[in-house]
Amino acid sequence: MDSSLNGPEPRYREKVHTVAGTLRELEGPIFIVSHVDPDGDAIGSSLGLYRALKALGKRAFWIADPPRYLRFLAREEEYSDPVERLPEGATLVVLDAAEPNRVAGAPVEGFVINIDHHGTNPRFGYLSVVDPSKAATAQIVKDLIDALGVQWSPEIATPVLTGLITDTGNFRFANTTPEVLRAAAELVGYGVRLAELTDRLQWRPAGYFKALGAVLSTVEFHFGGLLVTAHLPPGLSVEDSDDFVGFIRYAEGSQIAVFLREREEGVKLSIRSRGGVSAQAVAVRLGGGGHVPAAGATLRGVSLEEAYRRAKEAVREELERTGYL
């Protein structure tokens, strides 16, 4: 993959203001969507922008299916049903979706605005603001809402801050820059109840903790401990299972972690890395994408055992490329 695609967007401010000006002038309906299996950044950035556009008096529609731990962010009346076709004169705003074929809730057609921070994003859409140097799409949305001139409120700031919190690992990951912390401080200043929000984001149902025990029993180490893997045992199903890769990634001495789970569409892999090892490179080898420290892929039509084999081979190549093997 071209490493330059992971760099900052040189015309970032110009593009943000172009999108803001376009959104202010739109008279037709605006549909706001994100990627399948949305995470905190996808939900936070899209909900925050939706509320900002509503505050401007726009006919905005938010199409989302949040995981259980994020459902507290939205009111029931804010949800809109998925659509198979967009009405005449509609605009589609796609947030945090690295690939157009991974967009959920609406077809990627017509006038499309693409806002994202994944380096693997092909920059689709009539307008796009894609900046992989930003810690979260929510960081871009924060700048966009500033450019829109919307009056900030706790209701708008809370989901945007959620996107920053979740994509920086509660401000622990390497993408936590001074710029991110300044943006977070501003959002807290708009009335976000930070302690209440961070506590609420950690709530999980009882079944989650039982499943966690089963997952941890599958942990294995490879390549002298450089790779740690685990999977969701067959027969178990739990929401928010993406969290599990976050537990195993802290194994001492590991440079990369891979969590696997079988789904109807195939075996989904969540990948996390550190120390110069690229989770993104591993994911791209497996047909997926994402960020350098956090990425994913879905292997279709394969068994769990075959998915393990392919994942380990892709990781081996990356560890050899980076000099660990």
Protein backbone atom coordinates (compact mmCIF):
# COMPACT_ATOMS: atom_id res chain seq x y z
CA MET A 1 0.00 0.00 0.00
CA ASP A 2 1.15 3.54 -0.81
CA SER A 3 2.33 4.92 2.54
CA SER A 4 1.60 8.48 1.38
CA LEU A 5 -2.11 7.71 1.68
CA ASN A 6 -1.62 7.64 5.47
CA GLY A 7 -0.30 11.20 5.54
CA PRO A 8 -2.14 14.43 6.34
CA GLU A 9 -4.41 16.06 3.76
CA PRO A 10 -2.51 19.20 2.60
CA ARG A 11 -5.75 21.02 1.72
CA TYR A 12 -7.53 19.98 4.88
CA ARG A 13 -8.83 23.37 6.04
CA GLU A 14 -9.89 24.32 2.53
CA LYS A 15 -11.80 21.06 2.07
CA VAL A 16 -13.50 21.31 5.46
CA HIS A 17 -14.75 24.82 4.63
CA THR A 18 -15.87 23.70 1.15
CA VAL A 19 -17.96 20.91 2.70
CA ALA A 20 -19.33 23.28 5.34
CA GLY A 21 -20.34 25.82 2.70
CA THR A 22 -21.98 23.11 0.60
CA LEU A 23 -23.96 21.75 3.56
CA ARG A 24 -25.16 25.23 4.50
CA GLU A 25 -26.47 25.82 0.96
CA LEU A 26 -28.22 22.47 0.48
CA GLU A 27 -31.99 22.62 0.28
CA GLY A 28 -32.78 18.94 -0.23
CA PRO A 29 -32.74 16.12 2.31
CA ILE A 30 -29.43 15.02 3.79
CA PHE A 31 -28.93 11.36 4.71
CA ILE A 32 -26.13 10.59 7.16
CA VAL A 33 -24.63 7.09 7.33
CA SER A 34 -21.46 5.29 8.40
CA HIS A 35 -19.93 1.83 8.08
CA VAL A 36 -21.35 -1.59 8.89
CA ASP A 37 -20.79 -2.72 12.49
CA PRO A 38 -20.36 0.89 13.63
CA ASP A 39 -18.01 1.74 16.46
CA GLY A 40 -17.83 4.75 18.74
CA ASP A 41 -16.28 7.00 16.12
CA ALA A 42 -18.82 6.05 13.43
CA ILE A 43 -21.77 6.62 15.74
CA GLY A 44 -20.33 9.66 17.50
CA SER A 45 -19.27 11.53 14.38
CA SER A 46 -22.46 10.80 12.44
CA LEU A 47 -24.82 11.60 15.34
CA GLY A 48 -22.94 14.79 16.17
CA LEU A 49 -23.12 16.01 12.57
CA TYR A 50 -26.79 15.04 12.34
CA ARG A 51 -27.64 17.11 15.41
CA ALA A 52 -25.60 20.05 14.11
CA LEU A 53 -27.43 19.99 10.77
CA LYS A 54 -30.78 19.77 12.53
CA ALA A 55 -29.75 22.82 14.56
CA LEU A 56 -29.23 24.61 11.23
CA GLY A 57 -32.77 23.71 10.23
CA LYS A 58 -31.76 21.13 7.64
CA ARG A 59 -33.88 18.11 6.67
CA ALA A 60 -31.38 15.59 7.96
CA PHE A 61 -31.87 11.87 8.47
CA TRP A 62 -29.55 9.70 10.59
CA ILE A 63 -29.44 6.02 9.63
CA ALA A 64 -27.54 3.93 12.16
CA ASP A 65 -27.63 0.69 14.12
CA PRO A 66 -25.38 1.29 17.15
CA PRO A 67 -24.02 -1.56 19.25
CA ARG A 68 -25.66 -1.92 22.63
CA TYR A 69 -23.06 0.06 24.59
CA LEU A 70 -23.60 3.15 22.40
CA ARG A 71 -27.39 3.18 22.19
CA PHE A 72 -27.70 5.54 25.14
CA LEU A 73 -26.32 8.37 22.99
CA ALA A 74 -29.40 8.76 20.78
CA ARG A 75 -33.10 9.26 21.34
CA GLU A 76 -35.50 6.87 19.62
CA GLU A 77 -37.00 9.60 17.45
CA GLU A 78 -33.59 10.42 16.00
CA TYR A 79 -33.28 7.11 14.15
CA SER A 80 -34.35 6.76 10.52
CA ASP A 81 -34.93 3.51 8.66
CA PRO A 82 -32.45 2.31 6.01
CA VAL A 83 -33.31 3.22 2.43
CA GLU A 84 -32.77 1.29 -0.78
CA ARG A 85 -32.86 4.39 -2.96
CA LEU A 86 -32.27 8.05 -2.21
CA PRO A 87 -34.99 10.54 -3.14
CA GLU A 88 -34.49 13.08 -5.89
CA GLY A 89 -32.20 15.91 -4.83
CA ALA A 90 -30.86 14.12 -1.76
CA THR A 91 -27.30 14.29 -0.46
CA LEU A 92 -25.55 11.34 1.16
CA VAL A 93 -22.94 12.10 3.81
CA VAL A 94 -20.77 9.07 4.56
CA LEU A 95 -18.70 9.16 7.74
CA ASP A 96 -15.86 6.90 8.91
CA ALA A 97 -16.30 4.35 6.09
CA ALA A 98 -13.01 3.27 4.53
CA GLU A 99 -14.73 1.60 1.57
CA PRO A 100 -17.96 2.49 -0.28
CA ASN A 101 -19.03 -1.17 -0.21
CA ARG A 102 -18.91 -1.11 3.58
CA VAL A 103 -21.47 1.67 3.95
CA ALA A 104 -24.63 0.69 5.82
CA GLY A 105 -28.15 2.04 5.52
CA ALA A 106 -28.22 3.66 2.09
CA PRO A 107 -26.77 3.16 -1.41
CA VAL A 108 -23.66 5.17 -2.25
CA GLU A 109 -25.14 7.08 -5.16
CA GLY A 110 -25.88 10.60 -6.31
CA PHE A 111 -24.28 13.55 -4.54
CA VAL A 112 -21.96 11.95 -1.97
CA ILE A 113 -19.82 13.69 0.66
CA ASN A 114 -17.14 11.42 2.13
CA ILE A 115 -15.62 12.30 5.53
CA ASP A 116 -13.10 9.87 6.99
CA HIS A 117 -9.67 9.29 8.51
CA HIS A 118 -8.72 5.86 7.11
CA GLY A 119 -5.66 5.78 4.87
CA THR A 120 -7.21 2.99 2.80
CA ASN A 121 -10.18 5.19 1.86
CA PRO A 122 -10.22 5.57 -1.97
CA ARG A 123 -11.46 9.17 -1.64
CA PHE A 124 -14.82 8.40 -3.22
CA GLY A 125 -17.66 10.90 -3.51
CA TYR A 126 -18.28 14.25 -5.16
CA LEU A 127 -16.62 15.91 -2.17
CA SER A 128 -14.29 14.25 0.31
CA VAL A 129 -12.31 15.17 3.39
CA VAL A 130 -10.06 12.21 4.18
CA ASP A 131 -7.21 12.89 6.58
CA PRO A 132 -5.49 9.84 8.13
CA SER A 133 -3.43 12.12 10.40
CA LYS A 134 -6.59 12.80 12.41
CA ALA A 135 -7.16 10.50 15.37
CA ALA A 136 -10.85 10.05 14.57
CA THR A 137 -13.45 11.04 12.03
CA ALA A 138 -15.04 12.82 14.99
CA GLN A 139 -12.03 15.14 15.03
CA ILE A 140 -12.81 16.15 11.44
CA VAL A 141 -16.49 16.53 12.31
CA LYS A 142 -15.57 18.81 15.19
CA ASP A 143 -13.74 21.10 12.76
CA LEU A 144 -16.64 20.84 10.30
CA ILE A 145 -19.21 21.85 12.91
CA ASP A 146 -16.98 24.79 13.86
CA ALA A 147 -16.91 25.79 10.17
CA LEU A 148 -20.71 25.43 9.93
CA GLY A 149 -21.04 28.09 12.61
CA VAL A 150 -23.43 25.99 14.69
CA GLN A 151 -23.84 26.93 18.35
CA TRP A 152 -22.28 24.10 20.33
CA SER A 153 -24.38 22.39 22.99
CA PRO A 154 -23.85 19.38 25.27
CA GLU A 155 -26.18 17.42 22.97
CA ILE A 156 -23.93 17.99 19.94
CA ALA A 157 -20.61 17.83 21.78
CA THR A 158 -21.26 14.55 23.63
CA PRO A 159 -21.32 12.18 20.62
CA VAL A 160 -18.40 14.01 18.99
CA LEU A 161 -16.33 13.58 22.15
CA THR A 162 -17.40 9.92 22.22
CA GLY A 163 -15.73 9.44 18.84
CA LEU A 164 -12.49 10.96 20.12
CA ILE A 165 -12.55 8.89 23.32
CA THR A 166 -13.17 5.57 21.63
CA ASP A 167 -10.74 5.95 18.71
CA THR A 168 -7.91 7.05 21.00
CA GLY A 169 -8.52 4.29 23.54
CA ASN A 170 -9.49 6.81 26.21
CA PHE A 171 -6.56 8.99 25.11
CA ARG A 172 -4.02 6.18 25.58
CA PHE A 173 -3.14 5.36 21.96
CA ALA A 174 -0.31 6.92 19.97
CA ASN A 175 -2.81 9.01 17.97
CA THR A 176 -3.50 11.12 21.07
CA THR A 177 -1.85 14.35 19.95
CA PRO A 178 -1.94 17.80 21.57
CA GLU A 179 -4.46 18.74 18.87
CA VAL A 180 -6.75 15.89 19.98
CA LEU A 181 -6.50 16.88 23.63
CA ARG A 182 -7.27 20.51 22.82
CA ALA A 183 -10.32 19.46 20.82
CA ALA A 184 -11.48 17.23 23.68
CA ALA A 185 -11.00 20.05 26.18
CA GLU A 186 -13.13 22.35 24.03
CA LEU A 187 -15.89 19.74 23.80
CA VAL A 188 -15.89 19.24 27.57
CA GLY A 189 -16.15 23.01 27.85
CA TYR A 190 -19.40 22.88 25.89
CA GLY A 191 -21.03 21.04 28.76
CA VAL A 192 -20.23 17.35 28.27
CA ARG A 193 -20.45 15.40 31.53
CA LEU A 194 -17.11 13.68 31.04
CA ALA A 195 -17.07 11.36 34.06
CA GLU A 196 -20.62 10.22 33.35
CA LEU A 197 -19.85 9.67 29.66
CA THR A 198 -16.63 7.68 30.17
CA ASP A 199 -18.29 5.51 32.80
CA ARG A 200 -21.31 4.84 30.61
CA LEU A 201 -19.14 3.82 27.66
CA GLN A 202 -17.74 0.93 29.71
CA TRP A 203 -21.09 -0.67 30.56
CA ARG A 204 -21.56 -4.17 29.17
CA PRO A 205 -24.28 -6.84 29.68
CA ALA A 206 -23.66 -9.86 31.93
CA GLY A 207 -23.24 -12.19 28.95
CA TYR A 208 -20.30 -10.13 27.75
CA PHE A 209 -18.23 -11.02 30.80
CA LYS A 210 -19.05 -14.72 30.53
CA ALA A 211 -17.99 -14.64 26.89
CA LEU A 212 -14.79 -12.82 27.82
CA GLY A 213 -13.79 -15.74 30.03
CA ALA A 214 -14.32 -18.15 27.15
CA VAL A 215 -12.34 -15.93 24.77
CA LEU A 216 -9.39 -15.65 27.14
CA SER A 217 -9.23 -19.45 27.34
CA THR A 218 -8.37 -19.46 23.60
CA VAL A 219 -5.39 -17.11 23.87
CA GLU A 220 -2.24 -18.35 22.11
CA PHE A 221 1.17 -16.81 21.47
CA HIS A 222 3.15 -17.14 18.25
CA PHE A 223 6.56 -16.11 16.92
CA GLY A 224 8.08 -16.01 20.38
CA GLY A 225 5.20 -13.97 21.79
CA LEU A 226 5.28 -11.26 19.11
CA LEU A 227 1.77 -12.25 18.01
CA VAL A 228 -1.10 -12.95 20.39
CA THR A 229 -4.35 -14.42 19.09
CA ALA A 230 -7.76 -15.40 20.44
CA HIS A 231 -11.18 -16.21 19.06
CA LEU A 232 -14.82 -16.31 20.07
CA PRO A 233 -15.57 -20.03 20.62
CA PRO A 234 -18.24 -21.54 18.34
CA GLY A 235 -21.74 -21.32 19.75
CA LEU A 236 -21.15 -18.06 21.58
CA SER A 237 -22.65 -14.80 20.41
CA VAL A 238 -22.18 -11.46 22.10
CA GLU A 239 -22.50 -7.83 21.13
CA ASP A 240 -19.50 -5.54 21.39
CA SER A 241 -17.06 -8.42 20.87
CA ASP A 242 -14.67 -5.99 19.13
CA ASP A 243 -13.62 -5.05 22.67
CA PHE A 244 -11.91 -8.40 23.14
CA VAL A 245 -8.93 -7.55 20.95
CA GLY A 246 -8.33 -4.67 23.36
CA PHE A 247 -7.73 -7.14 26.20
CA ILE A 248 -5.26 -9.38 24.42
CA ARG A 249 -3.29 -6.53 22.85
CA TYR A 250 -1.71 -5.76 26.23
CA ALA A 251 0.11 -9.09 26.44
CA GLU A 252 3.66 -8.24 27.46
CA GLY A 253 6.13 -8.49 24.57
CA SER A 254 3.49 -8.67 21.84
CA GLN A 255 3.68 -6.37 18.83
CA ILE A 256 0.45 -7.43 17.19
CA ALA A 257 -2.85 -8.94 18.33
CA VAL A 258 -5.50 -10.67 16.22
CA PHE A 259 -8.99 -11.56 17.41
CA LEU A 260 -11.16 -13.82 15.24
CA ARG A 261 -14.87 -14.56 15.27
CA GLU A 262 -17.05 -16.55 12.91
CA ARG A 263 -20.01 -14.75 11.38
CA GLU A 264 -22.49 -15.50 8.61
CA GLU A 265 -20.44 -13.60 6.05
CA GLY A 266 -17.14 -15.21 7.07
CA VAL A 267 -14.46 -14.99 9.74
CA LYS A 268 -13.95 -11.42 10.90
CA LEU A 269 -10.50 -10.38 12.15
CA SER A 270 -9.76 -7.42 14.41
CA ILE A 271 -6.08 -6.46 14.40
CA ARG A 272 -4.08 -4.15 16.68
CA SER A 273 -0.35 -3.38 16.55
CA ARG A 274 2.46 -1.31 18.00
CA GLY A 275 6.21 -0.82 17.70
CA GLY A 276 6.24 0.04 14.00
CA VAL A 277 4.28 -3.06 13.03
CA SER A 278 1.34 -2.18 10.77
CA ALA A 279 -2.04 -3.73 11.48
CA GLN A 280 -3.16 -1.95 8.31
CA ALA A 281 -0.58 -3.80 6.19
CA VAL A 282 -1.70 -7.14 7.63
CA ALA A 283 -5.35 -6.31 7.00
CA VAL A 284 -4.68 -5.21 3.41
CA ARG A 285 -2.91 -8.52 2.73
CA LEU A 286 -6.09 -10.24 3.92
CA GLY A 287 -8.40 -8.06 1.80
CA GLY A 288 -9.30 -5.58 4.53
CA GLY A 289 -8.13 -2.17 5.63
CA GLY A 290 -7.99 0.37 8.42
CA HIS A 291 -5.32 2.32 10.27
CA VAL A 292 -1.67 1.49 10.93
CA PRO A 293 -2.30 0.59 14.61
CA ALA A 294 -5.87 -0.73 14.21
CA ALA A 295 -7.41 -2.53 11.26
CA GLY A 296 -9.60 -5.44 10.26
CA ALA A 297 -10.61 -7.86 7.54
CA THR A 298 -13.26 -10.48 6.79
CA LEU A 299 -12.25 -13.79 5.22
CA ARG A 300 -15.22 -15.20 3.36
CA GLY A 301 -15.94 -18.87 2.83
CA VAL A 302 -13.16 -20.17 5.07
CA SER A 303 -13.04 -22.12 8.31
CA LEU A 304 -11.74 -20.69 11.55
CA GLU A 305 -8.65 -22.87 11.21
CA GLU A 306 -7.95 -21.56 7.70
CA ALA A 307 -8.49 -17.99 8.89
CA TYR A 308 -5.89 -18.56 11.61
CA ARG A 309 -3.44 -19.92 9.05
CA ARG A 310 -3.87 -16.95 6.70
CA ALA A 311 -3.68 -14.45 9.54
CA LYS A 312 -0.46 -15.92 10.90
CA GLU A 313 1.11 -15.93 7.44
CA ALA A 314 0.18 -12.28 6.88
CA VAL A 315 1.55 -11.36 10.30
CA ARG A 316 4.75 -13.30 9.62
CA GLU A 317 5.31 -11.23 6.46
CA GLU A 318 4.80 -8.01 8.37
CA LEU A 319 7.10 -9.05 11.23
CA GLU A 320 9.77 -9.95 8.69
CA ARG A 321 9.30 -6.61 6.89
CA THR A 322 9.75 -4.70 10.13
CA GLY A 323 12.77 -6.72 11.25
CA TYR A 324 11.20 -8.54 14.19
CA LEU A 325 11.79 -11.91 12.51
